[in-house]
């Protein structure tokens, strides 16, 4: 097993119901990675314009709310590094803290509008996912218990730099937990995968070739992971629905997308929709070459 992670797991809390879910996921991640746990509540920083009495009172009130959120978190998470941070936004504050501490992972909860047992990235999560330098995890609402009971780590795999980065990060976590990996590739069926103006026979040949290519990529990916049991599956259907409905993995890793700044998370079409409806905790991994779970 590899040594402890070099950076902390950071979890953002705001005192809402989703904070409990985020703390549950973050506590498990910190214990698994042997990493310090940092619990952060962000309140607005003083504005450069309009520093009147009302503004100052509002900022003081928001700081008080952040401190109450941390007091609540202490009763749930126990020993940790608790911090109140002033920033222009919750996402900006967590992002700056992650860079300052060289964080291993940022964990946030779902938005208040999330359906039960589904992820639903709110504005803070979406802004983090648009520029984080480390993996970002989103906890589904109403998490009954920490991950680990199902004994399998999922990877939404595509043979791209982002997909390989997600696999490498998931494999490092699996090595710590001695948990099998499950690689899933979903091939869009019907019109979604049909080349323009191809007939039925040509379409069938195209889809058969595509499946063979995906299967070969999955085989190569599974063989690239050493000392961890790996299974793989090729599915047909709607990509987001198939991945979002997975309920037999402890956590699902996915890449961001195939372009954008290196070392940054930048959501693509699939990952952006996936973090809004998944049944299981989602970890979005920055582009290849980024800091990752170690």
C-alpha atoms as a PDB file:
ATOM      1  CA  UNK A   1       0.000   0.000   0.000  1.00  0.00           C
ATOM      2  CA  UNK A   2       1.236   3.472  -0.767  1.00  0.00           C
ATOM      3  CA  UNK A   3       2.063   5.962   1.961  1.00  0.00           C
ATOM      4  CA  UNK A   4      -0.178   8.714   3.310  1.00  0.00           C
ATOM      5  CA  UNK A   5      -1.477  11.382   0.976  1.00  0.00           C
ATOM      6  CA  UNK A   6       0.661  14.511   0.962  1.00  0.00           C
ATOM      7  CA  UNK A   7      -2.190  17.037   1.077  1.00  0.00           C
ATOM      8  CA  UNK A   8      -5.395  17.284   3.101  1.00  0.00           C
ATOM      9  CA  UNK A   9      -8.958  16.481   2.210  1.00  0.00           C
ATOM     10  CA  UNK A  10     -10.907  19.757   2.307  1.00  0.00           C
ATOM     11  CA  UNK A  11     -14.656  19.782   2.890  1.00  0.00           C
ATOM     12  CA  UNK A  12     -16.838  22.842   2.541  1.00  0.00           C
ATOM     13  CA  UNK A  13     -19.768  23.247   4.948  1.00  0.00           C
ATOM     14  CA  UNK A  14     -22.522  25.847   5.231  1.00  0.00           C
ATOM     15  CA  UNK A  15     -24.675  24.461   8.026  1.00  0.00           C
ATOM     16  CA  UNK A  16     -27.274  23.050   5.629  1.00  0.00           C
ATOM     17  CA  UNK A  17     -28.439  19.459   5.342  1.00  0.00           C
ATOM     18  CA  UNK A  18     -25.923  18.738   2.581  1.00  0.00           C
ATOM     19  CA  UNK A  19     -23.055  19.493   4.969  1.00  0.00           C
ATOM     20  CA  UNK A  20     -23.728  16.210   6.754  1.00  0.00           C
ATOM     21  CA  UNK A  21     -23.432  14.312   3.463  1.00  0.00           C
ATOM     22  CA  UNK A  22     -20.212  16.129   2.564  1.00  0.00           C
ATOM     23  CA  UNK A  23     -18.708  15.447   6.010  1.00  0.00           C
ATOM     24  CA  UNK A  24     -19.596  11.749   5.747  1.00  0.00           C
ATOM     25  CA  UNK A  25     -17.865  11.445   2.383  1.00  0.00           C
ATOM     26  CA  UNK A  26     -14.893  13.611   3.359  1.00  0.00           C
ATOM     27  CA  UNK A  27     -14.318  11.744   6.616  1.00  0.00           C
ATOM     28  CA  UNK A  28     -14.188   8.441   4.753  1.00  0.00           C
ATOM     29  CA  UNK A  29     -11.816   9.879   2.164  1.00  0.00           C
ATOM     30  CA  UNK A  30      -9.485  11.330   4.799  1.00  0.00           C
ATOM     31  CA  UNK A  31      -9.350   8.064   6.753  1.00  0.00           C
ATOM     32  CA  UNK A  32      -8.820   6.004   3.612  1.00  0.00           C
ATOM     33  CA  UNK A  33      -6.084   8.275   2.263  1.00  0.00           C
ATOM     34  CA  UNK A  34      -4.517   8.782   5.703  1.00  0.00           C
ATOM     35  CA  UNK A  35      -4.810  12.496   5.000  1.00  0.00           C
ATOM     36  CA  UNK A  36      -5.596  15.404   7.325  1.00  0.00           C
ATOM     37  CA  UNK A  37      -9.196  16.608   7.253  1.00  0.00           C
ATOM     38  CA  UNK A  38      -9.788  20.352   6.868  1.00  0.00           C
ATOM     39  CA  UNK A  39     -13.336  21.598   7.425  1.00  0.00           C
ATOM     40  CA  UNK A  40     -13.931  25.057   5.983  1.00  0.00           C
ATOM     41  CA  UNK A  41     -16.816  27.512   6.126  1.00  0.00           C
ATOM     42  CA  UNK A  42     -16.569  30.546   3.864  1.00  0.00           C
ATOM     43  CA  UNK A  43     -18.156  33.917   4.549  1.00  0.00           C
ATOM     44  CA  UNK A  44     -18.121  37.093   2.420  1.00  0.00           C
ATOM     45  CA  UNK A  45     -15.031  39.252   2.632  1.00  0.00           C
ATOM     46  CA  UNK A  46     -15.464  43.009   3.217  1.00  0.00           C
ATOM     47  CA  UNK A  47     -16.367  44.744  -0.016  1.00  0.00           C
ATOM     48  CA  UNK A  48     -13.970  47.285  -1.484  1.00  0.00           C
ATOM     49  CA  UNK A  49     -16.990  49.448  -2.293  1.00  0.00           C
ATOM     50  CA  UNK A  50     -19.782  50.331   0.126  1.00  0.00           C
ATOM     51  CA  UNK A  51     -18.194  49.694   3.533  1.00  0.00           C
ATOM     52  CA  UNK A  52     -21.080  51.280   5.410  1.00  0.00           C
ATOM     53  CA  UNK A  53     -22.715  50.142   8.636  1.00  0.00           C
ATOM     54  CA  UNK A  54     -25.275  47.862   6.975  1.00  0.00           C
ATOM     55  CA  UNK A  55     -22.585  46.126   4.912  1.00  0.00           C
ATOM     56  CA  UNK A  56     -20.383  45.629   7.978  1.00  0.00           C
ATOM     57  CA  UNK A  57     -23.290  44.241   9.992  1.00  0.00           C
ATOM     58  CA  UNK A  58     -24.203  41.842   7.199  1.00  0.00           C
ATOM     59  CA  UNK A  59     -20.624  40.596   6.918  1.00  0.00           C
ATOM     60  CA  UNK A  60     -20.485  40.123  10.696  1.00  0.00           C
ATOM     61  CA  UNK A  61     -23.728  38.168  10.550  1.00  0.00           C
ATOM     62  CA  UNK A  62     -22.379  35.937   7.759  1.00  0.00           C
ATOM     63  CA  UNK A  63     -19.187  35.288   9.701  1.00  0.00           C
ATOM     64  CA  UNK A  64     -21.304  34.282  12.672  1.00  0.00           C
ATOM     65  CA  UNK A  65     -23.244  31.885  10.446  1.00  0.00           C
ATOM     66  CA  UNK A  66     -19.959  30.366   9.204  1.00  0.00           C
ATOM     67  CA  UNK A  67     -18.772  29.858  12.778  1.00  0.00           C
ATOM     68  CA  UNK A  68     -22.067  28.181  13.679  1.00  0.00           C
ATOM     69  CA  UNK A  69     -21.688  25.902  10.659  1.00  0.00           C
ATOM     70  CA  UNK A  70     -18.271  24.852  11.965  1.00  0.00           C
ATOM     71  CA  UNK A  71     -19.654  24.259  15.468  1.00  0.00           C
ATOM     72  CA  UNK A  72     -22.247  21.961  13.920  1.00  0.00           C
ATOM     73  CA  UNK A  73     -19.570  20.201  11.891  1.00  0.00           C
ATOM     74  CA  UNK A  74     -17.473  19.575  15.009  1.00  0.00           C
ATOM     75  CA  UNK A  75     -20.279  17.502  16.513  1.00  0.00           C
ATOM     76  CA  UNK A  76     -20.360  15.360  13.349  1.00  0.00           C
ATOM     77  CA  UNK A  77     -16.735  15.083  12.247  1.00  0.00           C
ATOM     78  CA  UNK A  78     -14.762  15.200  15.486  1.00  0.00           C
ATOM     79  CA  UNK A  79     -11.055  16.112  15.435  1.00  0.00           C
ATOM     80  CA  UNK A  80     -10.076  18.088  12.334  1.00  0.00           C
ATOM     81  CA  UNK A  81      -8.624  21.412  11.253  1.00  0.00           C
ATOM     82  CA  UNK A  82     -11.567  23.852  11.313  1.00  0.00           C
ATOM     83  CA  UNK A  83     -11.285  27.120   9.416  1.00  0.00           C
ATOM     84  CA  UNK A  84     -13.433  30.180   8.810  1.00  0.00           C
ATOM     85  CA  UNK A  85     -12.425  31.830   5.536  1.00  0.00           C
ATOM     86  CA  UNK A  86     -13.307  35.237   4.135  1.00  0.00           C
ATOM     87  CA  UNK A  87     -13.579  35.313   0.358  1.00  0.00           C
ATOM     88  CA  UNK A  88     -15.561  36.734  -2.531  1.00  0.00           C
ATOM     89  CA  UNK A  89     -17.409  33.410  -2.892  1.00  0.00           C
ATOM     90  CA  UNK A  90     -17.516  29.957  -1.318  1.00  0.00           C
ATOM     91  CA  UNK A  91     -15.974  28.399  -4.422  1.00  0.00           C
ATOM     92  CA  UNK A  92     -13.183  30.977  -4.557  1.00  0.00           C
ATOM     93  CA  UNK A  93     -12.398  30.490  -0.865  1.00  0.00           C
ATOM     94  CA  UNK A  94     -12.233  26.695  -1.151  1.00  0.00           C
ATOM     95  CA  UNK A  95     -10.220  26.922  -4.353  1.00  0.00           C
ATOM     96  CA  UNK A  96      -7.641  29.261  -2.787  1.00  0.00           C
ATOM     97  CA  UNK A  97      -7.403  27.039   0.306  1.00  0.00           C
ATOM     98  CA  UNK A  98      -6.863  23.961  -1.873  1.00  0.00           C
ATOM     99  CA  UNK A  99      -4.026  25.673  -3.732  1.00  0.00           C
ATOM    100  CA  UNK A 100      -2.485  26.959  -0.499  1.00  0.00           C
ATOM    101  CA  UNK A 101      -2.520  23.521   1.166  1.00  0.00           C
ATOM    102  CA  UNK A 102      -1.872  21.452  -2.004  1.00  0.00           C
ATOM    103  CA  UNK A 103      -5.073  19.550  -1.265  1.00  0.00           C
ATOM    104  CA  UNK A 104      -5.590  15.962  -2.302  1.00  0.00           C
ATOM    105  CA  UNK A 105      -9.368  16.300  -2.661  1.00  0.00           C
ATOM    106  CA  UNK A 106     -12.172  18.849  -2.225  1.00  0.00           C
ATOM    107  CA  UNK A 107     -15.546  17.524  -1.065  1.00  0.00           C
ATOM    108  CA  UNK A 108     -18.864  19.360  -1.253  1.00  0.00           C
ATOM    109  CA  UNK A 109     -22.476  18.387  -0.786  1.00  0.00           C
ATOM    110  CA  UNK A 110     -25.338  18.607  -3.253  1.00  0.00           C
ATOM    111  CA  UNK A 111     -27.637  21.594  -3.620  1.00  0.00           C
ATOM    112  CA  UNK A 112     -30.776  21.874  -1.510  1.00  0.00           C
ATOM    113  CA  UNK A 113     -32.878  21.084  -4.594  1.00  0.00           C
ATOM    114  CA  UNK A 114     -31.294  17.661  -5.044  1.00  0.00           C
ATOM    115  CA  UNK A 115     -33.654  14.662  -5.146  1.00  0.00           C
ATOM    116  CA  UNK A 116     -33.081  12.160  -2.352  1.00  0.00           C
ATOM    117  CA  UNK A 117     -30.108   9.842  -2.950  1.00  0.00           C
ATOM    118  CA  UNK A 118     -28.938  11.826  -5.981  1.00  0.00           C
ATOM    119  CA  UNK A 119     -26.117  14.271  -6.563  1.00  0.00           C
ATOM    120  CA  UNK A 120     -27.038  17.774  -7.650  1.00  0.00           C
ATOM    121  CA  UNK A 121     -24.091  20.109  -7.966  1.00  0.00           C
ATOM    122  CA  UNK A 122     -25.015  23.575  -6.708  1.00  0.00           C
ATOM    123  CA  UNK A 123     -23.380  26.847  -7.661  1.00  0.00           C
ATOM    124  CA  UNK A 124     -20.397  26.316  -5.344  1.00  0.00           C
ATOM    125  CA  UNK A 125     -19.720  22.832  -6.689  1.00  0.00           C
ATOM    126  CA  UNK A 126     -20.112  23.937 -10.306  1.00  0.00           C
ATOM    127  CA  UNK A 127     -17.685  26.820  -9.857  1.00  0.00           C
ATOM    128  CA  UNK A 128     -15.186  24.526  -8.157  1.00  0.00           C
ATOM    129  CA  UNK A 129     -15.540  22.011 -10.947  1.00  0.00           C
ATOM    130  CA  UNK A 130     -14.826  24.747 -13.463  1.00  0.00           C
ATOM    131  CA  UNK A 131     -11.320  25.369 -12.203  1.00  0.00           C
ATOM    132  CA  UNK A 132     -10.103  23.142  -9.389  1.00  0.00           C
ATOM    133  CA  UNK A 133      -6.486  21.966  -9.428  1.00  0.00           C
ATOM    134  CA  UNK A 134      -7.342  18.756  -7.536  1.00  0.00           C
ATOM    135  CA  UNK A 135     -10.138  16.188  -7.776  1.00  0.00           C
ATOM    136  CA  UNK A 136     -13.563  17.379  -6.605  1.00  0.00           C
ATOM    137  CA  UNK A 137     -16.082  15.017  -5.009  1.00  0.00           C
ATOM    138  CA  UNK A 138     -19.826  15.684  -4.843  1.00  0.00           C
ATOM    139  CA  UNK A 139     -21.814  13.756  -2.221  1.00  0.00           C
ATOM    140  CA  UNK A 140     -25.397  12.724  -3.046  1.00  0.00           C
ATOM    141  CA  UNK A 141     -28.101  14.014  -0.765  1.00  0.00           C
ATOM    142  CA  UNK A 142     -29.081  11.795   2.136  1.00  0.00           C
ATOM    143  CA  UNK A 143     -25.969   9.594   2.168  1.00  0.00           C
ATOM    144  CA  UNK A 144     -26.902   6.863   4.677  1.00  0.00           C
ATOM    145  CA  UNK A 145     -23.330   5.839   5.470  1.00  0.00           C
ATOM    146  CA  UNK A 146     -19.743   6.294   4.283  1.00  0.00           C
ATOM    147  CA  UNK A 147     -18.676   4.521   1.092  1.00  0.00           C
ATOM    148  CA  UNK A 148     -17.067   1.110   1.414  1.00  0.00           C
ATOM    149  CA  UNK A 149     -19.994  -1.215   1.963  1.00  0.00           C
ATOM    150  CA  UNK A 150     -20.380  -2.226  -1.689  1.00  0.00           C
ATOM    151  CA  UNK A 151     -16.718  -3.092  -2.157  1.00  0.00           C
ATOM    152  CA  UNK A 152     -16.227  -1.726  -5.668  1.00  0.00           C
ATOM    153  CA  UNK A 153     -14.888   1.524  -7.111  1.00  0.00           C
ATOM    154  CA  UNK A 154     -16.335   2.611 -10.441  1.00  0.00           C
ATOM    155  CA  UNK A 155     -14.649   4.455 -13.302  1.00  0.00           C
ATOM    156  CA  UNK A 156     -16.543   6.035 -16.187  1.00  0.00           C
ATOM    157  CA  UNK A 157     -13.865   5.152 -18.714  1.00  0.00           C
ATOM    158  CA  UNK A 158     -13.048   6.557 -22.123  1.00  0.00           C
ATOM    159  CA  UNK A 159      -9.696   6.106 -23.816  1.00  0.00           C
ATOM    160  CA  UNK A 160      -8.634   9.762 -23.614  1.00  0.00           C
ATOM    161  CA  UNK A 161      -6.101  11.589 -21.410  1.00  0.00           C
ATOM    162  CA  UNK A 162      -8.946  12.579 -19.101  1.00  0.00           C
ATOM    163  CA  UNK A 163     -10.293   9.043 -18.916  1.00  0.00           C
ATOM    164  CA  UNK A 164      -6.846   7.641 -18.192  1.00  0.00           C
ATOM    165  CA  UNK A 165      -6.330  10.279 -15.477  1.00  0.00           C
ATOM    166  CA  UNK A 166      -9.594   9.219 -13.832  1.00  0.00           C
ATOM    167  CA  UNK A 167      -8.537   5.563 -13.988  1.00  0.00           C
ATOM    168  CA  UNK A 168      -5.099   6.275 -12.502  1.00  0.00           C
ATOM    169  CA  UNK A 169      -6.621   8.249  -9.628  1.00  0.00           C
ATOM    170  CA  UNK A 170      -9.252   5.596  -8.928  1.00  0.00           C
ATOM    171  CA  UNK A 171      -6.612   2.854  -9.039  1.00  0.00           C
ATOM    172  CA  UNK A 172      -4.574   4.610  -6.355  1.00  0.00           C
ATOM    173  CA  UNK A 173      -7.606   4.740  -4.094  1.00  0.00           C
ATOM    174  CA  UNK A 174      -8.417   1.094  -4.864  1.00  0.00           C
ATOM    175  CA  UNK A 175      -4.858   0.121  -3.908  1.00  0.00           C
ATOM    176  CA  UNK A 176      -5.385   1.661  -0.485  1.00  0.00           C
ATOM    177  CA  UNK A 177      -8.747   0.022   0.113  1.00  0.00           C
ATOM    178  CA  UNK A 178      -7.861  -3.256  -1.647  1.00  0.00           C
ATOM    179  CA  UNK A 179     -11.089  -2.764  -3.544  1.00  0.00           C
ATOM    180  CA  UNK A 180     -11.789  -4.074  -7.060  1.00  0.00           C
ATOM    181  CA  UNK A 181     -12.221  -1.585  -9.877  1.00  0.00           C
ATOM    182  CA  UNK A 182     -15.102  -1.624 -12.313  1.00  0.00           C
ATOM    183  CA  UNK A 183     -14.581   0.176 -15.628  1.00  0.00           C
ATOM    184  CA  UNK A 184     -17.721   1.197 -17.518  1.00  0.00           C
ATOM    185  CA  UNK A 185     -17.886   2.530 -21.063  1.00  0.00           C
ATOM    186  CA  UNK A 186     -21.279   3.480 -22.451  1.00  0.00           C
ATOM    187  CA  UNK A 187     -21.850   3.514 -26.206  1.00  0.00           C
ATOM    188  CA  UNK A 188     -24.722   5.667 -27.381  1.00  0.00           C
ATOM    189  CA  UNK A 189     -27.145   3.557 -29.374  1.00  0.00           C
ATOM    190  CA  UNK A 190     -29.395   4.283 -32.322  1.00  0.00           C
ATOM    191  CA  UNK A 191     -29.292   7.699 -33.901  1.00  0.00           C
ATOM    192  CA  UNK A 192     -26.857   9.071 -31.321  1.00  0.00           C
ATOM    193  CA  UNK A 193     -24.072   6.896 -32.735  1.00  0.00           C
ATOM    194  CA  UNK A 194     -25.124   6.797 -36.411  1.00  0.00           C
ATOM    195  CA  UNK A 195     -22.783   8.348 -38.966  1.00  0.00           C
ATOM    196  CA  UNK A 196     -24.558  10.885 -41.153  1.00  0.00           C
ATOM    197  CA  UNK A 197     -26.344   9.399 -44.199  1.00  0.00           C
ATOM    198  CA  UNK A 198     -25.182   5.794 -43.640  1.00  0.00           C
ATOM    199  CA  UNK A 199     -27.556   2.976 -44.487  1.00  0.00           C
ATOM    200  CA  UNK A 200     -28.571   0.135 -42.174  1.00  0.00           C
ATOM    201  CA  UNK A 201     -25.798  -2.265 -43.195  1.00  0.00           C
ATOM    202  CA  UNK A 202     -23.126   0.395 -43.031  1.00  0.00           C
ATOM    203  CA  UNK A 203     -24.470   1.584 -39.683  1.00  0.00           C
ATOM    204  CA  UNK A 204     -24.365  -1.956 -38.276  1.00  0.00           C
ATOM    205  CA  UNK A 205     -20.778  -2.393 -39.485  1.00  0.00           C
ATOM    206  CA  UNK A 206     -19.827   0.954 -37.983  1.00  0.00           C
ATOM    207  CA  UNK A 207     -21.352   0.091 -34.603  1.00  0.00           C
ATOM    208  CA  UNK A 208     -19.716  -3.353 -34.583  1.00  0.00           C
ATOM    209  CA  UNK A 209     -16.334  -1.768 -35.284  1.00  0.00           C
ATOM    210  CA  UNK A 210     -16.925   0.863 -32.614  1.00  0.00           C
ATOM    211  CA  UNK A 211     -17.801  -1.782 -30.025  1.00  0.00           C
ATOM    212  CA  UNK A 212     -14.687  -3.772 -30.875  1.00  0.00           C
ATOM    213  CA  UNK A 213     -12.611  -0.621 -30.461  1.00  0.00           C
ATOM    214  CA  UNK A 214     -14.204   0.193 -27.098  1.00  0.00           C
ATOM    215  CA  UNK A 215     -13.779  -3.383 -25.867  1.00  0.00           C
ATOM    216  CA  UNK A 216     -10.111  -3.390 -26.836  1.00  0.00           C
ATOM    217  CA  UNK A 217      -9.613  -0.074 -25.022  1.00  0.00           C
ATOM    218  CA  UNK A 218     -11.266  -1.493 -21.911  1.00  0.00           C
ATOM    219  CA  UNK A 219      -9.071  -4.605 -22.034  1.00  0.00           C
ATOM    220  CA  UNK A 220      -5.919  -2.499 -22.329  1.00  0.00           C
ATOM    221  CA  UNK A 221      -7.045  -0.247 -19.517  1.00  0.00           C
ATOM    222  CA  UNK A 222      -7.795  -3.175 -17.207  1.00  0.00           C
ATOM    223  CA  UNK A 223      -4.422  -4.759 -17.973  1.00  0.00           C
ATOM    224  CA  UNK A 224      -2.647  -1.478 -17.167  1.00  0.00           C
ATOM    225  CA  UNK A 225      -3.720  -1.677 -13.521  1.00  0.00           C
ATOM    226  CA  UNK A 226      -1.415  -3.814 -11.409  1.00  0.00           C
ATOM    227  CA  UNK A 227      -2.266  -5.762  -8.249  1.00  0.00           C
ATOM    228  CA  UNK A 228      -5.950  -4.786  -8.206  1.00  0.00           C
ATOM    229  CA  UNK A 229      -8.845  -6.922  -9.470  1.00  0.00           C
ATOM    230  CA  UNK A 230     -10.425  -5.150 -12.442  1.00  0.00           C
ATOM    231  CA  UNK A 231     -13.663  -5.928 -14.247  1.00  0.00           C
ATOM    232  CA  UNK A 232     -15.032  -4.020 -17.198  1.00  0.00           C
ATOM    233  CA  UNK A 233     -18.355  -3.571 -18.906  1.00  0.00           C
ATOM    234  CA  UNK A 234     -19.471  -2.103 -22.214  1.00  0.00           C
ATOM    235  CA  UNK A 235     -23.020  -0.778 -22.136  1.00  0.00           C
ATOM    236  CA  UNK A 236     -25.348   0.597 -24.795  1.00  0.00           C
ATOM    237  CA  UNK A 237     -27.767   3.401 -24.116  1.00  0.00           C
ATOM    238  CA  UNK A 238     -27.893   6.967 -22.918  1.00  0.00           C
ATOM    239  CA  UNK A 239     -24.443   7.724 -21.497  1.00  0.00           C
ATOM    240  CA  UNK A 240     -25.535   9.980 -18.631  1.00  0.00           C
ATOM    241  CA  UNK A 241     -28.539   7.884 -17.601  1.00  0.00           C
ATOM    242  CA  UNK A 242     -26.512   4.655 -17.604  1.00  0.00           C
ATOM    243  CA  UNK A 243     -23.757   6.119 -15.452  1.00  0.00           C
ATOM    244  CA  UNK A 244     -26.050   8.118 -13.170  1.00  0.00           C
ATOM    245  CA  UNK A 245     -28.134   5.048 -12.322  1.00  0.00           C
ATOM    246  CA  UNK A 246     -25.153   2.983 -11.178  1.00  0.00           C
ATOM    247  CA  UNK A 247     -25.897   1.919  -7.621  1.00  0.00           C
ATOM    248  CA  UNK A 248     -23.439  -0.933  -7.069  1.00  0.00           C
ATOM    249  CA  UNK A 249     -20.197   1.064  -6.687  1.00  0.00           C
ATOM    250  CA  UNK A 250     -19.005   2.944  -3.609  1.00  0.00           C
ATOM    251  CA  UNK A 251     -17.860   5.942  -5.612  1.00  0.00           C
ATOM    252  CA  UNK A 252     -17.686   6.765  -9.328  1.00  0.00           C
ATOM    253  CA  UNK A 253     -14.660   8.500 -10.868  1.00  0.00           C
ATOM    254  CA  UNK A 254     -14.862  10.377 -14.143  1.00  0.00           C
ATOM    255  CA  UNK A 255     -12.629  12.679 -16.149  1.00  0.00           C
ATOM    256  CA  UNK A 256     -13.421  16.276 -16.914  1.00  0.00           C
ATOM    257  CA  UNK A 257     -13.133  16.588 -20.679  1.00  0.00           C
ATOM    258  CA  UNK A 258     -10.696  16.414 -23.565  1.00  0.00           C
ATOM    259  CA  UNK A 259      -9.706  20.043 -23.737  1.00  0.00           C
ATOM    260  CA  UNK A 260      -9.188  22.990 -21.423  1.00  0.00           C
ATOM    261  CA  UNK A 261      -6.343  24.062 -19.125  1.00  0.00           C
ATOM    262  CA  UNK A 262      -4.045  21.280 -18.059  1.00  0.00           C
ATOM    263  CA  UNK A 263      -4.144  20.617 -14.290  1.00  0.00           C
ATOM    264  CA  UNK A 264      -7.672  21.967 -14.066  1.00  0.00           C
ATOM    265  CA  UNK A 265     -11.087  20.392 -13.849  1.00  0.00           C
ATOM    266  CA  UNK A 266     -13.232  21.632 -16.737  1.00  0.00           C
ATOM    267  CA  UNK A 267     -16.598  19.977 -17.066  1.00  0.00           C
ATOM    268  CA  UNK A 268     -17.665  18.493 -20.350  1.00  0.00           C
ATOM    269  CA  UNK A 269     -21.173  17.573 -21.436  1.00  0.00           C
ATOM    270  CA  UNK A 270     -21.280  14.156 -19.736  1.00  0.00           C
ATOM    271  CA  UNK A 271     -19.550  15.066 -16.472  1.00  0.00           C
ATOM    272  CA  UNK A 272     -21.571  18.294 -16.112  1.00  0.00           C
ATOM    273  CA  UNK A 273     -24.848  16.374 -16.326  1.00  0.00           C
ATOM    274  CA  UNK A 274     -23.581  13.421 -14.309  1.00  0.00           C
ATOM    275  CA  UNK A 275     -22.844  15.505 -11.196  1.00  0.00           C
ATOM    276  CA  UNK A 276     -26.477  16.652 -11.310  1.00  0.00           C
ATOM    277  CA  UNK A 277     -28.145  13.246 -11.103  1.00  0.00           C
ATOM    278  CA  UNK A 278     -25.835  10.406  -9.961  1.00  0.00           C
ATOM    279  CA  UNK A 279     -26.905   7.961  -7.276  1.00  0.00           C
ATOM    280  CA  UNK A 280     -23.391   7.472  -5.933  1.00  0.00           C
ATOM    281  CA  UNK A 281     -20.684   9.954  -4.897  1.00  0.00           C
ATOM    282  CA  UNK A 282     -18.933  11.395  -7.950  1.00  0.00           C
ATOM    283  CA  UNK A 283     -15.256  12.338  -8.134  1.00  0.00           C
ATOM    284  CA  UNK A 284     -14.326  14.519 -11.109  1.00  0.00           C
ATOM    285  CA  UNK A 285     -10.596  14.328 -11.846  1.00  0.00           C
ATOM    286  CA  UNK A 286      -8.600  17.160 -13.438  1.00  0.00           C
ATOM    287  CA  UNK A 287      -6.933  16.718 -16.787  1.00  0.00           C
ATOM    288  CA  UNK A 288      -3.943  14.399 -17.108  1.00  0.00           C
ATOM    289  CA  UNK A 289      -0.810  15.722 -15.429  1.00  0.00           C
ATOM    290  CA  UNK A 290      -2.700  17.138 -12.454  1.00  0.00           C
ATOM    291  CA  UNK A 291      -2.207  16.557  -8.782  1.00  0.00           C
ATOM    292  CA  UNK A 292      -4.260  13.504  -7.870  1.00  0.00           C
ATOM    293  CA  UNK A 293      -5.046  11.139  -5.031  1.00  0.00           C
ATOM    294  CA  UNK A 294      -1.822   9.375  -4.116  1.00  0.00           C
END
